Amino acid sequence: MNSMVALGKKFTRNIQDNKRRLLSAKYELRRKLYKAFVQDPQLPPEMREAHQYKLAKLPRNSSFTRIRNRCIFTGRPRAVYEMFRMSRIVFRGLAARGALQGVKKASW
């Protein structure tokens, strides 16, 4: 029973992370535009404040800093190889079984 609950949480985390990725892509241009206005010292302070307010009103999950690379198999947030989108533990197991094409154990 506990393993099923833990398994559900891991998939939920991956789903949440995917939603964050979609939101980030959706609001990317708008967020960059507002940031550029806020950081421009030549603009009047009222205009910069207005864009700061608009930036604050964007969804929090639309920020790229909230995206976390997670293992697609286990949901593990640490030691994830970005190229394969899997954790080092899963990667090692699949590579040892020969399930990853072009990957073999180094020997010298």
N, C-alpha and C. Protein backbone atom coordinates (compact mmCIF):
# COMPACT_ATOMS: atom_id res chain seq x y z
N MET A 1 0.83 -1.20 0.00
CA MET A 1 0.00 0.00 0.00
C MET A 1 0.87 1.26 0.00
N ASN A 2 1.88 1.30 0.88
CA ASN A 2 2.73 2.49 0.95
C ASN A 2 3.52 2.70 -0.33
N SER A 3 3.93 1.61 -0.97
CA SER A 3 4.69 1.76 -2.21
C SER A 3 3.82 2.36 -3.31
N MET A 4 2.54 2.04 -3.33
CA MET A 4 1.63 2.60 -4.33
C MET A 4 1.42 4.09 -4.08
N VAL A 5 1.34 4.48 -2.80
CA VAL A 5 1.18 5.90 -2.47
C VAL A 5 2.43 6.66 -2.89
N ALA A 6 3.61 6.11 -2.60
CA ALA A 6 4.86 6.76 -2.97
C ALA A 6 4.99 6.84 -4.49
N LEU A 7 4.56 5.80 -5.18
CA LEU A 7 4.61 5.80 -6.63
C LEU A 7 3.71 6.88 -7.21
N GLY A 8 2.54 7.06 -6.62
CA GLY A 8 1.62 8.11 -7.07
C GLY A 8 2.18 9.50 -6.87
N LYS A 9 2.88 9.70 -5.75
CA LYS A 9 3.48 11.00 -5.47
C LYS A 9 4.56 11.33 -6.49
N LYS A 10 5.34 10.34 -6.89
CA LYS A 10 6.41 10.57 -7.85
C LYS A 10 5.84 10.98 -9.20
N PHE A 11 4.77 10.32 -9.62
CA PHE A 11 4.17 10.68 -10.88
C PHE A 11 3.51 12.05 -10.80
N THR A 12 2.94 12.36 -9.63
CA THR A 12 2.33 13.68 -9.43
C THR A 12 3.38 14.76 -9.55
N ARG A 13 4.56 14.52 -9.00
CA ARG A 13 5.64 15.51 -9.09
C ARG A 13 6.05 15.73 -10.54
N ASN A 14 6.12 14.65 -11.30
CA ASN A 14 6.47 14.79 -12.72
C ASN A 14 5.39 15.55 -13.47
N ILE A 15 4.14 15.32 -13.13
CA ILE A 15 3.04 16.02 -13.78
C ILE A 15 3.10 17.50 -13.43
N GLN A 16 3.35 17.82 -12.16
CA GLN A 16 3.48 19.22 -11.74
C GLN A 16 4.63 19.90 -12.46
N ASP A 17 5.74 19.20 -12.58
CA ASP A 17 6.89 19.77 -13.26
C ASP A 17 6.57 20.02 -14.74
N ASN A 18 5.85 19.11 -15.35
CA ASN A 18 5.46 19.29 -16.75
C ASN A 18 4.54 20.51 -16.91
N LYS A 19 3.62 20.69 -15.97
CA LYS A 19 2.75 21.86 -16.01
C LYS A 19 3.56 23.15 -15.87
N ARG A 20 4.57 23.12 -15.02
CA ARG A 20 5.44 24.29 -14.87
C ARG A 20 6.18 24.58 -16.17
N ARG A 21 6.64 23.54 -16.83
CA ARG A 21 7.34 23.73 -18.11
C ARG A 21 6.41 24.36 -19.15
N LEU A 22 5.17 23.90 -19.20
CA LEU A 22 4.21 24.46 -20.15
C LEU A 22 3.90 25.92 -19.83
N LEU A 23 3.71 26.23 -18.54
CA LEU A 23 3.44 27.61 -18.13
C LEU A 23 4.63 28.51 -18.44
N SER A 24 5.83 28.01 -18.20
CA SER A 24 7.03 28.80 -18.48
C SER A 24 7.13 29.14 -19.96
N ALA A 25 6.83 28.17 -20.78
CA ALA A 25 6.88 28.41 -22.23
C ALA A 25 5.81 29.41 -22.65
N LYS A 26 4.64 29.32 -22.02
CA LYS A 26 3.53 30.19 -22.38
C LYS A 26 3.82 31.65 -22.03
N TYR A 27 4.40 31.89 -20.84
CA TYR A 27 4.62 33.25 -20.35
C TYR A 27 6.05 33.76 -20.56
N GLU A 28 6.87 33.00 -21.27
CA GLU A 28 8.28 33.36 -21.42
C GLU A 28 8.47 34.75 -22.02
N LEU A 29 7.83 35.02 -23.13
CA LEU A 29 8.01 36.29 -23.82
C LEU A 29 7.52 37.47 -22.97
N ARG A 30 6.34 37.29 -22.38
CA ARG A 30 5.77 38.35 -21.54
C ARG A 30 6.67 38.64 -20.34
N ARG A 31 7.16 37.58 -19.70
CA ARG A 31 8.02 37.74 -18.52
C ARG A 31 9.32 38.47 -18.89
N LYS A 32 9.92 38.11 -20.01
CA LYS A 32 11.16 38.76 -20.44
C LYS A 32 10.92 40.23 -20.78
N LEU A 33 9.78 40.53 -21.39
CA LEU A 33 9.45 41.90 -21.74
C LEU A 33 9.30 42.75 -20.48
N TYR A 34 8.53 42.27 -19.51
CA TYR A 34 8.33 43.01 -18.25
C TYR A 34 9.66 43.20 -17.53
N LYS A 35 10.49 42.17 -17.50
CA LYS A 35 11.79 42.29 -16.83
C LYS A 35 12.67 43.33 -17.51
N ALA A 36 12.63 43.37 -18.84
CA ALA A 36 13.43 44.36 -19.57
C ALA A 36 12.97 45.77 -19.23
N PHE A 37 11.65 45.99 -19.13
CA PHE A 37 11.14 47.30 -18.76
C PHE A 37 11.55 47.68 -17.34
N VAL A 38 11.48 46.72 -16.43
CA VAL A 38 11.80 46.99 -15.02
C VAL A 38 13.28 47.32 -14.86
N GLN A 39 14.14 46.68 -15.61
CA GLN A 39 15.58 46.86 -15.44
C GLN A 39 16.15 48.02 -16.25
N ASP A 40 15.32 48.67 -17.06
CA ASP A 40 15.79 49.79 -17.88
C ASP A 40 15.81 51.07 -17.04
N PRO A 41 17.00 51.62 -16.73
CA PRO A 41 17.07 52.81 -15.87
C PRO A 41 16.63 54.09 -16.56
N GLN A 42 16.48 54.08 -17.88
CA GLN A 42 16.10 55.29 -18.61
C GLN A 42 14.59 55.54 -18.59
N LEU A 43 13.81 54.54 -18.22
CA LEU A 43 12.35 54.71 -18.17
C LEU A 43 11.95 55.44 -16.89
N PRO A 44 10.81 56.13 -16.92
CA PRO A 44 10.35 56.80 -15.70
C PRO A 44 9.96 55.78 -14.63
N PRO A 45 10.13 56.14 -13.36
CA PRO A 45 9.85 55.19 -12.27
C PRO A 45 8.41 54.67 -12.26
N GLU A 46 7.45 55.49 -12.68
CA GLU A 46 6.05 55.05 -12.68
C GLU A 46 5.85 53.89 -13.65
N MET A 47 6.48 54.02 -14.82
CA MET A 47 6.35 52.96 -15.83
C MET A 47 7.04 51.68 -15.34
N ARG A 48 8.19 51.83 -14.73
CA ARG A 48 8.91 50.66 -14.21
C ARG A 48 8.11 49.98 -13.10
N GLU A 49 7.48 50.78 -12.25
CA GLU A 49 6.64 50.22 -11.18
C GLU A 49 5.44 49.47 -11.75
N ALA A 50 4.84 50.03 -12.78
CA ALA A 50 3.68 49.38 -13.41
C ALA A 50 4.07 48.02 -13.98
N HIS A 51 5.23 47.96 -14.63
CA HIS A 51 5.67 46.68 -15.19
C HIS A 51 6.13 45.72 -14.09
N GLN A 52 6.64 46.24 -13.00
CA GLN A 52 6.99 45.39 -11.86
C GLN A 52 5.74 44.74 -11.29
N TYR A 53 4.66 45.51 -11.22
CA TYR A 53 3.39 44.99 -10.74
C TYR A 53 2.86 43.91 -11.67
N LYS A 54 2.94 44.15 -12.98
CA LYS A 54 2.50 43.15 -13.95
C LYS A 54 3.33 41.88 -13.85
N LEU A 55 4.62 42.05 -13.63
CA LEU A 55 5.51 40.89 -13.47
C LEU A 55 5.13 40.08 -12.24
N ALA A 56 4.78 40.79 -11.17
CA ALA A 56 4.39 40.11 -9.93
C ALA A 56 3.06 39.39 -10.08
N LYS A 57 2.20 39.85 -10.99
CA LYS A 57 0.89 39.23 -11.18
C LYS A 57 0.93 37.98 -12.05
N LEU A 58 2.05 37.73 -12.71
CA LEU A 58 2.17 36.49 -13.50
C LEU A 58 2.17 35.29 -12.56
N PRO A 59 1.72 34.13 -13.03
CA PRO A 59 1.74 32.94 -12.18
C PRO A 59 3.15 32.60 -11.71
N ARG A 60 3.27 32.20 -10.47
CA ARG A 60 4.59 31.86 -9.93
C ARG A 60 5.22 30.69 -10.66
N ASN A 61 4.40 29.74 -11.03
CA ASN A 61 4.92 28.55 -11.71
C ASN A 61 5.35 28.82 -13.14
N SER A 62 5.17 30.05 -13.61
CA SER A 62 5.62 30.38 -14.96
C SER A 62 7.08 30.82 -14.99
N SER A 63 7.73 30.83 -13.84
CA SER A 63 9.14 31.20 -13.77
C SER A 63 10.01 29.99 -14.06
N PHE A 64 11.10 30.23 -14.82
CA PHE A 64 11.99 29.12 -15.18
C PHE A 64 12.74 28.57 -13.97
N THR A 65 12.88 29.37 -12.93
CA THR A 65 13.62 28.89 -11.76
C THR A 65 12.84 27.83 -10.99
N ARG A 66 11.55 27.71 -11.23
CA ARG A 66 10.75 26.71 -10.52
C ARG A 66 10.73 25.36 -11.23
N ILE A 67 11.32 25.29 -12.41
CA ILE A 67 11.39 24.02 -13.14
C ILE A 67 12.52 23.18 -12.55
N ARG A 68 12.23 21.92 -12.33
CA ARG A 68 13.21 21.00 -11.76
C ARG A 68 13.37 19.81 -12.69
N ASN A 69 14.60 19.50 -13.06
CA ASN A 69 14.83 18.31 -13.89
C ASN A 69 14.60 17.08 -13.03
N ARG A 70 13.69 16.23 -13.46
CA ARG A 70 13.35 15.03 -12.71
C ARG A 70 13.49 13.80 -13.60
N CYS A 71 13.75 12.68 -12.94
CA CYS A 71 13.83 11.39 -13.64
C CYS A 71 12.42 11.02 -14.12
N ILE A 72 12.32 10.63 -15.39
CA ILE A 72 11.00 10.30 -15.93
C ILE A 72 10.49 8.95 -15.42
N PHE A 73 11.39 8.14 -14.88
CA PHE A 73 10.99 6.83 -14.37
C PHE A 73 10.64 6.86 -12.89
N THR A 74 11.45 7.55 -12.09
CA THR A 74 11.27 7.52 -10.64
C THR A 74 10.83 8.85 -10.04
N GLY A 75 10.97 9.94 -10.76
CA GLY A 75 10.63 11.25 -10.22
C GLY A 75 11.71 11.83 -9.34
N ARG A 76 12.87 11.19 -9.31
CA ARG A 76 13.97 11.64 -8.46
C ARG A 76 14.50 12.98 -8.96
N PRO A 77 14.65 13.98 -8.04
CA PRO A 77 15.05 15.31 -8.49
C PRO A 77 16.56 15.53 -8.58
N ARG A 78 17.34 14.65 -8.01
CA ARG A 78 18.79 14.87 -7.98
C ARG A 78 19.52 13.85 -8.85
N ALA A 79 20.70 14.24 -9.29
CA ALA A 79 21.56 13.38 -10.10
C ALA A 79 20.83 12.89 -11.34
N VAL A 80 20.23 13.81 -12.07
CA VAL A 80 19.50 13.48 -13.29
C VAL A 80 20.35 13.89 -14.48
N TYR A 81 20.59 12.94 -15.38
CA TYR A 81 21.29 13.25 -16.62
C TYR A 81 20.30 13.94 -17.56
N GLU A 82 20.60 15.16 -17.90
CA GLU A 82 19.66 15.97 -18.68
C GLU A 82 19.44 15.39 -20.08
N MET A 83 20.48 14.82 -20.65
CA MET A 83 20.37 14.28 -22.00
C MET A 83 19.40 13.09 -22.07
N PHE A 84 19.39 12.28 -21.01
CA PHE A 84 18.55 11.08 -20.99
C PHE A 84 17.29 11.27 -20.15
N ARG A 85 17.22 12.33 -19.36
CA ARG A 85 16.11 12.63 -18.46
C ARG A 85 15.83 11.48 -17.50
N MET A 86 16.91 10.88 -16.99
CA MET A 86 16.77 9.82 -15.99
C MET A 86 17.87 9.95 -14.95
N SER A 87 17.60 9.41 -13.78
CA SER A 87 18.57 9.51 -12.69
C SER A 87 19.75 8.58 -12.95
N ARG A 88 20.82 8.82 -12.24
CA ARG A 88 22.03 8.01 -12.41
C ARG A 88 21.77 6.55 -12.06
N ILE A 89 20.87 6.30 -11.12
CA ILE A 89 20.58 4.94 -10.68
C ILE A 89 19.86 4.16 -11.79
N VAL A 90 18.84 4.77 -12.36
CA VAL A 90 18.09 4.14 -13.45
C VAL A 90 18.99 3.99 -14.67
N PHE A 91 19.77 5.04 -14.95
CA PHE A 91 20.68 5.01 -16.10
C PHE A 91 21.65 3.84 -16.00
N ARG A 92 22.22 3.66 -14.82
CA ARG A 92 23.19 2.58 -14.64
C ARG A 92 22.56 1.22 -14.84
N GLY A 93 21.34 1.06 -14.30
CA GLY A 93 20.64 -0.22 -14.46
C GLY A 93 20.32 -0.53 -15.91
N LEU A 94 19.81 0.46 -16.62
CA LEU A 94 19.46 0.25 -18.04
C LEU A 94 20.70 0.03 -18.89
N ALA A 95 21.77 0.77 -18.58
CA ALA A 95 23.01 0.60 -19.36
C ALA A 95 23.62 -0.78 -19.12
N ALA A 96 23.54 -1.27 -17.90
CA ALA A 96 24.09 -2.59 -17.59
C ALA A 96 23.33 -3.70 -18.32
N ARG A 97 22.02 -3.50 -18.49
CA ARG A 97 21.21 -4.50 -19.20
C ARG A 97 21.31 -4.36 -20.71
N GLY A 98 21.91 -3.26 -21.17
CA GLY A 98 22.04 -3.04 -22.61
C GLY A 98 20.79 -2.45 -23.23
N ALA A 99 19.96 -1.82 -22.41
CA ALA A 99 18.70 -1.26 -22.91
C ALA A 99 18.88 0.12 -23.55
N LEU A 100 20.04 0.74 -23.34
CA LEU A 100 20.31 2.05 -23.95
C LEU A 100 21.24 1.85 -25.13
N GLN A 101 20.78 2.20 -26.31
CA GLN A 101 21.59 2.01 -27.49
C GLN A 101 22.76 2.99 -27.50
N GLY A 102 23.92 2.48 -27.84
CA GLY A 102 25.11 3.31 -27.94
C GLY A 102 25.80 3.58 -26.63
N VAL A 103 25.30 3.02 -25.54
CA VAL A 103 25.90 3.23 -24.22
C VAL A 103 26.48 1.90 -23.75
N LYS A 104 27.76 1.90 -23.42
CA LYS A 104 28.36 0.71 -22.87
C LYS A 104 29.32 1.09 -21.76
N LYS A 105 29.57 0.17 -20.91
CA LYS A 105 30.44 0.42 -19.76
C LYS A 105 31.88 0.64 -20.24
N ALA A 106 32.50 1.65 -19.70
CA ALA A 106 33.89 1.96 -20.09
C ALA A 106 34.84 0.95 -19.47
N SER A 107 35.84 0.60 -20.23
CA SER A 107 36.90 -0.27 -19.70
C SER A 107 38.21 0.12 -20.36
N TRP A 108 39.24 0.27 -19.56
CA TRP A 108 40.55 0.61 -20.09
C TRP A 108 41.64 -0.01 -19.27
